């Protein structure tokens, strides 16, 4: 009887066998195993609870990194944060030293601050805010197009602002102009940093967590600011108010800040396309195109001449954004990789700029009005045609509308596009063409205008066409040699034949170039190729 009772007592225990049903990640790190028994479910931690130091480290990471890091960011993010932290701390230390120098310049160290000095201190901030507004309005979308450049320049501007503030005590009578210049540089630096930050954070996001990345960036900035303020206050107490001593201390700090911010900016990979990234990308693909344009004759294996078909364009490969980021320059002005023998102008204003328009254009942004004379439709009258012919003869410009036929097929030639639905206009002139008065153009020129409602892909296509002309500019700027017997007969066609072939190659190769960019991860729907913004519409 007793034995039977013991067996019955042990039977429920034997039925309560554990069955693993799932594993769950714990919010504070680690995993636990969920097991099911006959009467309830049990959660058992797979490892020992974290130590106090590990818990603090996890709390710090949760504060300064986006949730789910590193899975929710790309691989460059951690290095970007480290270099940015170095730059922010050193920059904050020099800013504290510069603020101390400014206060001594206004007379704070000599006792009570006069009312006039207090008013100047307020006024210089107002001048700085006004300068920042003007700067931001002039730059506008270029913050998106060139985020790395403007972020780096913001660091340089902040360094220059601190340098001016440090030396202000040397010239106390120049406080207002020097303080205003420092305030303008400081305010423009802040605007550039904030404006470029969104595009840079978006490049690191892989999980739709842009807002969380911004939150983490703000936390990183605040922590670095606290550290820099503490170090700067200590260093200012050690150095004292002597301007030259403070300047000597700020010099290595500025060098560290600029170098660290340059290194962190170089880790940013932007998949959007501005002019520099577009030219770097297109140059790589243009080098893959066949040497002979579409429609040209080239020797086959048997020695016979065969036409070059579109099948030879199917192997285009586009370098990925990370490869282009390694070649991208942002510390100095961009010089076109397509060479100095040809010049590209994107949507320049035709004729002289007048009135307030001059403020919005870079120097030399306007184009020769004769560049669009060839776009005049035929049959507009003998007088107009004669004037156009005369202008073309003196200016050397050729121009045409390009794009697609109404049914969406690629136009076979520029002549066919004039009767279809054009997407963009291209004008070009050889370097040897004579200007009015007998002067020669220094370089070959290619001008591009988009239509007002052009899509991102249409803008990319226009720049692809222009880059192809520039890449092969020798074909239409230096006609092939001809003997004396045929020179007269071919004079009218020798310059136009290569251009027709290049236009055909641009149209035929574009679909393959676009597909190659998509395969490589480029955001072909977000481009910044508006140039000076003076779009053109057919009459």
Protein backbone atom coordinates (compact mmCIF):
# COMPACT_ATOMS: atom_id res chain seq x y z
CA UNK A 1 0.00 0.00 0.00
CA UNK A 2 2.78 2.35 0.91
CA UNK A 3 4.67 1.44 -2.29
CA UNK A 4 1.59 2.14 -4.41
CA UNK A 5 1.16 5.55 -2.77
CA UNK A 6 4.74 6.47 -3.52
CA UNK A 7 4.34 5.50 -7.15
CA UNK A 8 1.16 7.59 -7.45
CA UNK A 9 2.93 10.52 -5.85
CA UNK A 10 5.77 10.35 -8.32
CA UNK A 11 3.55 10.00 -11.41
CA UNK A 12 2.66 13.72 -11.84
CA UNK A 13 6.33 14.57 -11.53
CA UNK A 14 7.20 12.15 -14.30
CA UNK A 15 4.55 13.73 -16.53
CA UNK A 16 5.91 17.23 -15.89
CA UNK A 17 8.64 16.76 -18.49
CA UNK A 18 10.20 20.00 -19.82
CA UNK A 19 9.74 20.78 -23.52
CA UNK A 20 11.67 23.67 -25.09
CA UNK A 21 9.25 25.79 -27.10
CA UNK A 22 11.22 29.01 -27.86
CA UNK A 23 14.15 31.24 -27.00
CA UNK A 24 13.63 34.90 -26.18
CA UNK A 25 16.10 37.78 -26.18
CA UNK A 26 16.15 39.82 -22.98
CA UNK A 27 15.91 43.63 -23.18
CA UNK A 28 19.06 44.07 -21.10
CA UNK A 29 21.07 41.55 -23.07
CA UNK A 30 21.33 37.78 -23.20
CA UNK A 31 18.75 35.08 -23.95
CA UNK A 32 16.45 32.83 -22.00
CA UNK A 33 14.84 29.51 -22.88
CA UNK A 34 11.07 29.03 -22.52
CA UNK A 35 10.04 25.51 -21.55
CA UNK A 36 6.56 24.07 -21.21
CA UNK A 37 5.50 21.71 -18.44
CA UNK A 38 2.18 20.06 -17.74
CA UNK A 39 0.90 22.82 -15.46
CA UNK A 40 2.86 25.95 -16.31
CA UNK A 41 5.60 27.53 -18.50
CA UNK A 42 9.07 28.28 -17.17
CA UNK A 43 11.65 30.79 -18.40
CA UNK A 44 15.27 29.96 -17.64
CA UNK A 45 18.14 32.36 -18.42
CA UNK A 46 20.75 30.77 -20.67
CA UNK A 47 23.62 32.59 -18.98
CA UNK A 48 24.39 34.33 -15.72
CA UNK A 49 22.94 37.85 -15.20
CA UNK A 50 25.27 40.62 -16.40
CA UNK A 51 27.65 42.21 -13.93
CA UNK A 52 27.31 45.81 -12.80
CA UNK A 53 30.02 46.99 -15.23
CA UNK A 54 28.36 45.14 -18.12
CA UNK A 55 25.00 46.67 -17.23
CA UNK A 56 26.53 50.16 -17.21
CA UNK A 57 28.14 49.52 -20.58
CA UNK A 58 24.83 48.32 -22.01
CA UNK A 59 23.07 51.39 -20.63
CA UNK A 60 25.69 53.67 -22.20
CA UNK A 61 25.35 51.95 -25.58
CA UNK A 62 21.56 52.27 -25.37
CA UNK A 63 21.98 56.01 -24.76
CA UNK A 64 24.44 56.82 -27.55
CA UNK A 65 23.63 54.22 -30.19
CA UNK A 66 20.38 53.57 -32.09
CA UNK A 67 18.27 50.67 -30.93
CA UNK A 68 19.29 47.39 -32.50
CA UNK A 69 22.83 48.56 -33.28
CA UNK A 70 24.81 47.25 -35.11
CA UNK A 71 22.12 45.45 -37.12
CA UNK A 72 20.21 48.69 -37.83
CA UNK A 73 23.20 50.64 -39.21
CA UNK A 74 25.82 50.00 -41.85
CA UNK A 75 29.31 48.82 -40.97
CA UNK A 76 30.91 52.29 -41.06
CA UNK A 77 28.74 53.78 -38.34
CA UNK A 78 30.82 52.81 -35.29
CA UNK A 79 34.01 54.22 -36.80
CA UNK A 80 32.13 57.35 -37.84
CA UNK A 81 30.95 57.86 -34.25
CA UNK A 82 34.45 57.38 -32.82
CA UNK A 83 36.09 59.92 -35.13
CA UNK A 84 33.21 62.36 -34.72
CA UNK A 85 33.54 62.15 -30.93
CA UNK A 86 37.23 63.01 -31.13
CA UNK A 87 36.44 65.99 -33.34
CA UNK A 88 33.58 67.20 -31.15
CA UNK A 89 35.54 67.02 -27.88
CA UNK A 90 38.61 68.83 -29.26
CA UNK A 91 36.39 71.39 -30.98
CA UNK A 92 34.48 72.04 -27.78
CA UNK A 93 37.69 72.58 -25.80
CA UNK A 94 38.89 75.19 -28.29
CA UNK A 95 35.44 76.81 -28.25
CA UNK A 96 35.60 77.21 -24.47
CA UNK A 97 39.03 78.83 -24.75
CA UNK A 98 37.75 81.15 -27.48
CA UNK A 99 34.74 82.17 -25.37
CA UNK A 100 37.04 83.05 -22.51
CA UNK A 101 39.10 85.24 -24.83
CA UNK A 102 35.94 86.99 -26.08
CA UNK A 103 34.85 87.79 -22.56
CA UNK A 104 38.22 89.28 -21.74
CA UNK A 105 38.08 91.29 -24.97
CA UNK A 106 34.79 92.87 -23.92
CA UNK A 107 36.22 93.77 -20.54
CA UNK A 108 34.73 91.14 -18.26
CA UNK A 109 38.04 90.50 -16.54
CA UNK A 110 38.41 94.19 -15.57
CA UNK A 111 35.24 94.40 -13.49
CA UNK A 112 31.73 95.49 -14.41
CA UNK A 113 30.87 95.33 -18.10
CA UNK A 114 29.74 98.72 -19.52
CA UNK A 115 26.30 98.92 -21.10
CA UNK A 116 27.82 99.74 -24.49
CA UNK A 117 29.90 96.57 -24.37
CA UNK A 118 26.86 94.49 -23.42
CA UNK A 119 24.93 95.95 -26.37
CA UNK A 120 27.78 95.08 -28.74
CA UNK A 121 27.76 91.53 -27.41
CA UNK A 122 24.07 91.20 -28.26
CA UNK A 123 24.43 92.94 -31.64
CA UNK A 124 27.21 90.63 -32.81
CA UNK A 125 24.88 87.66 -32.25
CA UNK A 126 22.23 89.37 -34.35
CA UNK A 127 24.73 89.91 -37.16
CA UNK A 128 25.70 86.26 -36.92
CA UNK A 129 22.10 85.07 -37.21
CA UNK A 130 21.50 87.30 -40.23
CA UNK A 131 24.62 86.00 -41.93
CA UNK A 132 23.56 82.41 -41.30
CA UNK A 133 20.15 83.05 -42.87
CA UNK A 134 21.72 84.54 -46.01
CA UNK A 135 24.20 81.67 -46.26
CA UNK A 136 21.61 78.93 -45.78
CA UNK A 137 19.28 80.53 -48.34
CA UNK A 138 22.04 80.70 -50.94
CA UNK A 139 23.16 77.08 -50.39
CA UNK A 140 19.63 75.52 -50.08
CA UNK A 141 19.53 72.09 -51.78
CA UNK A 142 23.30 71.83 -52.00
CA UNK A 143 23.21 70.72 -48.36
CA UNK A 144 21.56 67.55 -49.66
CA UNK A 145 23.66 67.28 -52.80
CA UNK A 146 27.02 67.77 -51.07
CA UNK A 147 26.40 66.90 -47.42
CA UNK A 148 29.95 65.72 -46.75
CA UNK A 149 31.50 68.88 -48.16
CA UNK A 150 29.27 71.22 -46.15
CA UNK A 151 29.73 69.21 -42.96
CA UNK A 152 33.51 69.44 -43.29
CA UNK A 153 33.39 73.11 -44.18
CA UNK A 154 31.28 73.75 -41.10
CA UNK A 155 34.17 72.46 -38.97
CA UNK A 156 36.62 74.73 -40.78
CA UNK A 157 34.26 77.70 -40.31
CA UNK A 158 33.90 76.98 -36.58
CA UNK A 159 37.68 76.77 -36.24
CA UNK A 160 38.09 80.13 -38.01
CA UNK A 161 35.44 81.67 -35.73
CA UNK A 162 37.30 80.48 -32.63
CA UNK A 163 40.61 81.77 -33.99
CA UNK A 164 39.15 85.25 -34.46
CA UNK A 165 37.67 85.17 -30.97
CA UNK A 166 40.99 84.14 -29.42
CA UNK A 167 42.91 87.11 -30.91
CA UNK A 168 40.21 89.71 -30.22
CA UNK A 169 41.90 90.90 -26.96
CA UNK A 170 44.88 91.99 -29.06
CA UNK A 171 42.73 94.61 -30.80
CA UNK A 172 40.08 95.74 -28.28
CA UNK A 173 39.06 98.68 -30.48
CA UNK A 174 38.02 96.25 -33.24
CA UNK A 175 35.74 94.22 -31.00
CA UNK A 176 32.51 94.78 -32.93
CA UNK A 177 33.73 93.91 -36.46
CA UNK A 178 35.84 90.99 -35.24
CA UNK A 179 33.10 89.66 -32.99
CA UNK A 180 30.57 89.98 -35.82
CA UNK A 181 32.83 88.07 -38.21
CA UNK A 182 33.31 85.35 -35.61
CA UNK A 183 29.56 85.20 -34.96
CA UNK A 184 28.77 84.90 -38.69
CA UNK A 185 31.23 82.05 -39.12
CA UNK A 186 29.96 80.31 -35.98
CA UNK A 187 26.31 80.63 -37.00
CA UNK A 188 26.90 79.45 -40.56
CA UNK A 189 28.85 76.52 -39.14
CA UNK A 190 25.89 75.54 -36.96
CA UNK A 191 23.45 75.84 -39.86
CA UNK A 192 25.65 73.76 -42.16
CA UNK A 193 26.14 71.06 -39.52
CA UNK A 194 22.42 70.71 -38.81
CA UNK A 195 21.42 70.89 -42.49
CA UNK A 196 23.91 68.26 -43.67
CA UNK A 197 23.28 65.95 -40.71
CA UNK A 198 19.97 64.56 -41.98
CA UNK A 199 21.40 63.31 -45.28
CA UNK A 200 24.42 61.80 -43.53
CA UNK A 201 22.30 59.98 -40.93
CA UNK A 202 20.07 58.66 -43.70
CA UNK A 203 23.12 57.08 -45.35
CA UNK A 204 23.82 55.04 -42.19
CA UNK A 205 20.25 53.86 -41.64
CA UNK A 206 19.43 50.33 -42.76
CA UNK A 207 16.27 49.74 -40.74
CA UNK A 208 14.09 52.81 -41.30
CA UNK A 209 15.37 54.32 -38.04
CA UNK A 210 16.40 57.82 -39.15
CA UNK A 211 14.75 59.51 -36.16
CA UNK A 212 16.48 57.14 -33.73
CA UNK A 213 19.81 57.81 -35.44
CA UNK A 214 19.20 61.53 -34.98
CA UNK A 215 18.37 60.94 -31.32
CA UNK A 216 21.58 58.96 -30.84
CA UNK A 217 23.57 61.66 -32.60
CA UNK A 218 22.19 64.31 -30.28
CA UNK A 219 23.13 62.20 -27.26
CA UNK A 220 26.65 61.73 -28.60
CA UNK A 221 26.94 65.49 -29.19
CA UNK A 222 25.74 66.37 -25.69
CA UNK A 223 28.12 63.93 -24.01
CA UNK A 224 31.07 65.20 -26.06
CA UNK A 225 30.05 68.78 -25.27
CA UNK A 226 30.04 68.04 -21.53
CA UNK A 227 33.45 66.40 -21.74
CA UNK A 228 34.88 69.23 -23.83
CA UNK A 229 33.46 71.90 -21.55
CA UNK A 230 35.03 70.31 -18.50
CA UNK A 231 38.40 69.92 -20.19
CA UNK A 232 38.23 73.42 -21.63
CA UNK A 233 37.39 75.01 -18.27
CA UNK A 234 40.31 73.22 -16.65
CA UNK A 235 42.69 74.15 -19.45
CA UNK A 236 41.58 77.80 -19.43
CA UNK A 237 42.35 78.01 -15.69
CA UNK A 238 45.85 76.61 -16.37
CA UNK A 239 46.62 78.77 -19.41
CA UNK A 240 45.25 82.08 -18.22
CA UNK A 241 43.97 84.94 -20.42
CA UNK A 242 47.10 85.65 -22.50
CA UNK A 243 45.84 85.57 -26.15
CA UNK A 244 49.01 84.21 -27.73
CA UNK A 245 49.24 81.41 -25.16
CA UNK A 246 45.60 80.50 -25.77
CA UNK A 247 46.17 80.63 -29.54
CA UNK A 248 49.15 78.28 -29.20
CA UNK A 249 46.97 75.83 -27.26
CA UNK A 250 44.10 76.08 -29.75
CA UNK A 251 46.28 75.33 -32.78
CA UNK A 252 46.81 71.59 -32.11
CA UNK A 253 43.22 71.27 -30.92
CA UNK A 254 42.02 72.73 -34.22
CA UNK A 255 44.26 70.37 -36.16
CA UNK A 256 42.88 67.36 -34.29
CA UNK A 257 39.29 68.53 -34.74
CA UNK A 258 39.63 69.11 -38.48
CA UNK A 259 41.52 65.85 -39.07
CA UNK A 260 39.01 63.80 -37.06
CA UNK A 261 36.03 65.35 -38.84
CA UNK A 262 37.68 64.76 -42.21
CA UNK A 263 38.20 61.11 -41.32
CA UNK A 264 34.62 60.67 -40.12
CA UNK A 265 33.20 62.40 -43.22
CA UNK A 266 35.23 60.11 -45.48
CA UNK A 267 33.36 57.14 -43.95
CA UNK A 268 30.01 58.46 -45.20
CA UNK A 269 28.70 56.66 -48.29
CA UNK A 270 25.97 58.58 -50.13
CA UNK A 271 23.91 56.65 -52.72
CA UNK A 272 22.39 59.84 -54.13
CA UNK A 273 23.97 61.44 -57.20
CA UNK A 274 25.40 64.93 -57.39
CA UNK A 275 27.63 66.13 -60.22
CA UNK A 276 30.88 64.83 -58.75
CA UNK A 277 29.60 61.34 -57.94
CA UNK A 278 27.81 61.21 -61.29
CA UNK A 279 30.94 62.05 -63.26
CA UNK A 280 33.06 59.58 -61.28
CA UNK A 281 30.45 56.88 -61.88
CA UNK A 282 29.92 57.70 -65.55
CA UNK A 283 33.63 57.87 -66.32
CA UNK A 284 34.07 54.30 -65.11
CA UNK A 285 31.23 53.12 -67.34
CA UNK A 286 32.28 55.22 -70.34
CA UNK A 287 35.62 53.46 -70.30
CA UNK A 288 33.72 50.18 -70.75
CA UNK A 289 31.98 51.31 -73.93
CA UNK A 290 33.31 50.05 -77.28
CA UNK A 291 35.90 52.23 -78.94
CA UNK A 292 33.80 52.51 -82.09
CA UNK A 293 30.41 54.24 -81.80
CA UNK A 294 27.19 52.44 -82.69
CA UNK A 295 26.79 52.26 -86.43
CA UNK A 296 30.53 52.51 -87.06
CA UNK A 297 32.43 49.80 -88.90
CA UNK A 298 35.06 47.77 -87.13
CA UNK A 299 37.04 44.74 -88.13
CA UNK A 300 35.71 41.29 -87.26
CA UNK A 301 37.73 38.17 -86.62
CA UNK A 302 37.65 37.33 -90.32
CA UNK A 303 38.91 40.72 -91.34
CA UNK A 304 35.59 41.95 -92.70
CA UNK A 305 33.97 45.11 -91.42
CA UNK A 306 30.86 44.61 -89.34
CA UNK A 307 28.49 47.12 -87.73
CA UNK A 308 28.73 47.54 -83.99
CA UNK A 309 25.47 46.41 -82.42
CA UNK A 310 23.76 47.18 -79.11
CA UNK A 311 24.61 43.70 -77.81
CA UNK A 312 28.15 44.93 -77.13
CA UNK A 313 26.71 47.36 -74.56
CA UNK A 314 25.07 44.74 -72.36
CA UNK A 315 28.12 44.18 -70.14
CA UNK A 316 28.20 47.60 -68.49
CA UNK A 317 29.01 47.48 -64.78
CA UNK A 318 28.59 50.43 -62.43
CA UNK A 319 30.87 50.79 -59.40
CA UNK A 320 28.91 50.73 -56.11
CA UNK A 321 28.48 53.83 -53.93
CA UNK A 322 31.21 52.67 -51.52
CA UNK A 323 33.79 52.59 -54.34
CA UNK A 324 32.85 56.08 -55.51
CA UNK A 325 32.95 57.39 -51.91
CA UNK A 326 36.63 56.44 -51.73
CA UNK A 327 37.36 58.62 -54.78
CA UNK A 328 35.11 61.52 -53.78
CA UNK A 329 36.74 64.79 -52.71
CA UNK A 330 35.07 67.19 -50.30
CA UNK A 331 37.86 69.15 -48.61
CA UNK A 332 38.68 71.10 -51.78
CA UNK A 333 36.69 72.25 -54.78
CA UNK A 334 35.80 69.52 -57.24
CA UNK A 335 37.71 69.47 -60.54
CA UNK A 336 36.00 67.45 -63.25
CA UNK A 337 37.52 64.00 -63.79
CA UNK A 338 36.63 64.25 -67.48
CA UNK A 339 39.59 66.56 -67.99
CA UNK A 340 40.31 70.21 -68.51
CA UNK A 341 39.96 69.98 -72.29
CA UNK A 342 36.18 70.21 -72.06
CA UNK A 343 33.79 72.08 -69.79
CA UNK A 344 30.26 71.20 -68.69
CA UNK A 345 27.68 73.79 -67.70
CA UNK A 346 24.42 72.55 -66.22
CA UNK A 347 21.41 74.74 -66.99
CA UNK A 348 23.29 78.04 -67.30
CA UNK A 349 21.43 81.30 -67.75
CA UNK A 350 21.58 82.54 -71.32
CA UNK A 351 22.82 86.07 -71.80
CA UNK A 352 23.89 88.53 -69.10
CA UNK A 353 22.46 88.24 -65.60
CA UNK A 354 20.72 91.37 -64.41
CA UNK A 355 19.20 92.58 -61.16
CA UNK A 356 18.83 90.23 -58.23
CA UNK A 357 19.55 87.19 -60.42
CA UNK A 358 23.28 87.83 -60.05
CA UNK A 359 23.12 87.00 -56.34
CA UNK A 360 21.97 83.43 -56.98
CA UNK A 361 24.51 82.60 -59.69
CA UNK A 362 28.13 81.63 -59.32
CA UNK A 363 30.69 83.74 -61.15
CA UNK A 364 30.74 83.03 -64.89
CA UNK A 365 27.56 80.94 -64.79
CA UNK A 366 25.91 82.63 -67.77
CA UNK A 367 26.24 81.18 -71.28
CA UNK A 368 26.51 82.64 -74.75
CA UNK A 369 23.06 83.42 -76.11
CA UNK A 370 24.15 82.09 -79.51
CA UNK A 371 24.35 78.57 -78.01
CA UNK A 372 20.60 78.05 -78.51
CA UNK A 373 20.31 79.61 -81.97
CA UNK A 374 20.54 76.16 -83.61
CA UNK A 375 17.44 75.17 -81.60
CA UNK A 376 15.32 77.58 -83.65
CA UNK A 377 12.75 75.59 -85.62
CA UNK A 378 13.20 75.49 -89.36
CA UNK A 379 10.93 77.65 -91.50
CA UNK A 380 10.80 80.59 -89.15
CA UNK A 381 11.59 83.05 -91.91
CA UNK A 382 14.54 83.89 -94.11
CA UNK A 383 15.70 86.73 -91.88
CA UNK A 384 15.73 84.57 -88.75
CA UNK A 385 17.41 81.67 -90.55
CA UNK A 386 20.06 83.98 -91.97
CA UNK A 387 20.72 85.41 -88.52
CA UNK A 388 20.98 81.93 -87.03
CA UNK A 389 23.38 80.80 -89.75
CA UNK A 390 25.53 83.86 -89.20
CA UNK A 391 25.60 83.34 -85.44
CA UNK A 392 26.49 79.68 -85.82
CA UNK A 393 29.26 80.51 -88.25
CA UNK A 394 30.75 83.05 -85.87
CA UNK A 395 30.11 81.21 -82.63
CA UNK A 396 30.65 77.60 -83.69
CA UNK A 397 27.73 76.31 -81.64
CA UNK A 398 25.74 73.15 -82.40
CA UNK A 399 22.59 72.36 -80.42
CA UNK A 400 19.64 69.96 -80.50
CA UNK A 401 16.82 68.60 -78.36
CA UNK A 402 17.18 64.98 -77.30
CA UNK A 403 15.01 62.44 -75.54
CA UNK A 404 12.35 59.87 -76.45
CA UNK A 405 9.71 59.39 -79.09
CA UNK A 406 6.04 59.79 -78.06
CA UNK A 407 5.68 56.01 -77.70
CA UNK A 408 8.59 55.87 -75.27
CA UNK A 409 11.20 54.39 -77.60
CA UNK A 410 14.65 55.92 -77.75
CA UNK A 411 15.10 58.39 -80.57
CA UNK A 412 17.55 57.10 -83.14
CA UNK A 413 19.03 60.51 -83.80
CA UNK A 414 18.84 64.11 -82.72
CA UNK A 415 16.93 64.97 -85.91
CA UNK A 416 14.14 62.53 -85.03
CA UNK A 417 13.83 63.97 -81.53
CA UNK A 418 12.91 67.43 -82.76
CA UNK A 419 9.52 66.14 -83.88
CA UNK A 420 8.99 63.99 -80.77
CA UNK A 421 8.77 64.76 -77.06
CA UNK A 422 12.21 66.09 -76.11
CA UNK A 423 13.58 65.63 -72.61
CA UNK A 424 16.66 67.83 -72.67
CA UNK A 425 18.73 70.12 -74.87
CA UNK A 426 22.48 69.93 -75.44
CA UNK A 427 24.65 72.61 -77.02
CA UNK A 428 28.33 72.15 -77.73
CA UNK A 429 31.21 74.01 -79.28
CA UNK A 430 34.70 72.81 -80.14
CA UNK A 431 37.69 74.40 -78.48
CA UNK A 432 39.05 75.61 -81.82
CA UNK A 433 35.86 77.46 -82.73
CA UNK A 434 36.42 81.17 -83.24
CA UNK A 435 34.64 83.66 -81.05
CA UNK A 436 33.36 86.97 -82.35
CA UNK A 437 36.34 89.18 -82.94
CA UNK A 438 38.64 86.28 -83.84
CA UNK A 439 39.46 84.87 -80.37
CA UNK A 440 39.47 81.11 -79.89
CA UNK A 441 37.60 79.27 -77.15
CA UNK A 442 39.98 77.87 -74.53
CA UNK A 443 38.17 74.55 -74.06
CA UNK A 444 35.43 72.54 -75.68
CA UNK A 445 32.09 73.46 -74.11
CA UNK A 446 29.03 71.29 -73.50
CA UNK A 447 25.87 72.93 -72.17
CA UNK A 448 22.85 71.00 -70.85
CA UNK A 449 19.32 72.17 -70.09
CA UNK A 450 16.57 70.02 -68.60
CA UNK A 451 12.91 70.69 -69.13
CA UNK A 452 10.95 72.19 -66.24
CA UNK A 453 9.21 68.90 -65.31
CA UNK A 454 12.18 66.62 -65.97
CA UNK A 455 12.33 63.46 -63.88
CA UNK A 456 15.42 62.31 -62.02
CA UNK A 457 16.15 59.68 -64.67
CA UNK A 458 15.78 62.26 -67.46
CA UNK A 459 18.33 64.48 -65.72
CA UNK A 460 20.72 61.56 -65.34
CA UNK A 461 20.28 60.70 -69.01
CA UNK A 462 21.09 64.26 -70.08
CA UNK A 463 24.29 64.28 -68.03
CA UNK A 464 25.22 60.82 -69.37
CA UNK A 465 24.86 62.19 -72.89
CA UNK A 466 26.97 65.24 -72.06
CA UNK A 467 29.66 63.18 -70.31
CA UNK A 468 29.90 60.88 -73.32
CA UNK A 469 30.45 63.88 -75.61
CA UNK A 470 33.12 65.22 -73.28
CA UNK A 471 34.80 61.83 -72.95
CA UNK A 472 35.06 61.60 -76.75
CA UNK A 473 35.50 65.31 -77.37
CA UNK A 474 38.52 64.71 -79.61
CA UNK A 475 36.23 63.01 -82.13
CA UNK A 476 34.27 66.19 -82.77
CA UNK A 477 36.84 68.86 -81.91
CA UNK A 478 39.66 67.40 -84.04
CA UNK A 479 38.34 66.08 -87.39
CA UNK A 480 40.31 63.19 -88.90
CA UNK A 481 43.00 64.00 -91.44
CA UNK A 482 41.99 63.98 -95.08
CA UNK A 483 44.10 64.24 -98.20
CA UNK A 484 43.99 67.27 -100.47
CA UNK A 485 41.90 65.54 -103.14
CA UNK A 486 38.98 64.85 -100.80
CA UNK A 487 39.34 67.76 -98.39
CA UNK A 488 36.87 69.95 -100.25
CA UNK A 489 34.29 67.20 -100.77
CA UNK A 490 34.27 66.13 -97.11
CA UNK A 491 34.59 69.53 -95.49
CA UNK A 492 30.85 69.74 -94.79
CA UNK A 493 30.46 66.24 -93.32
CA UNK A 494 33.73 65.44 -91.57
CA UNK A 495 32.75 67.35 -88.43
CA UNK A 496 29.14 66.19 -88.19
CA UNK A 497 29.64 62.48 -88.83
CA UNK A 498 31.41 61.75 -85.50
CA UNK A 499 28.78 63.76 -83.60
CA UNK A 500 25.91 61.78 -85.09
CA UNK A 501 27.63 58.56 -84.09
CA UNK A 502 28.25 59.82 -80.55
CA UNK A 503 24.63 60.91 -80.18
CA UNK A 504 23.53 57.45 -81.34
CA UNK A 505 25.89 55.80 -78.85
CA UNK A 506 24.54 57.96 -76.02
CA UNK A 507 20.95 56.97 -76.81
CA UNK A 508 21.71 53.28 -77.31
CA UNK A 509 23.90 52.87 -74.21
CA UNK A 510 21.68 54.78 -71.76
CA UNK A 511 19.24 51.93 -70.87
CA UNK A 512 22.19 49.65 -70.08
CA UNK A 513 23.91 52.34 -68.00
CA UNK A 514 20.71 52.96 -66.03
CA UNK A 515 20.24 49.26 -65.33
CA UNK A 516 23.87 48.94 -64.21
CA UNK A 517 23.40 51.79 -61.72
CA UNK A 518 20.30 50.17 -60.27
CA UNK A 519 22.10 46.86 -59.85
CA UNK A 520 24.91 48.57 -57.95
CA UNK A 521 22.59 50.19 -55.41
CA UNK A 522 22.51 53.79 -56.64
CA UNK A 523 19.43 55.84 -55.82
CA UNK A 524 18.57 56.92 -59.37
CA UNK A 525 15.38 58.53 -58.10
CA UNK A 526 17.27 61.13 -56.04
CA UNK A 527 19.68 63.22 -58.09
CA UNK A 528 21.03 66.73 -57.67
CA UNK A 529 21.88 67.76 -61.22
CA UNK A 530 20.01 71.04 -61.58
CA UNK A 531 23.17 73.15 -61.88
CA UNK A 532 22.22 76.83 -61.98
CA UNK A 533 18.53 75.97 -62.34
CA UNK A 534 17.82 77.85 -65.58
CA UNK A 535 15.76 75.11 -67.25
CA UNK A 536 14.72 75.43 -70.88
CA UNK A 537 11.47 74.70 -72.69
CA UNK A 538 11.06 74.27 -76.45
CA UNK A 539 9.29 77.16 -78.18
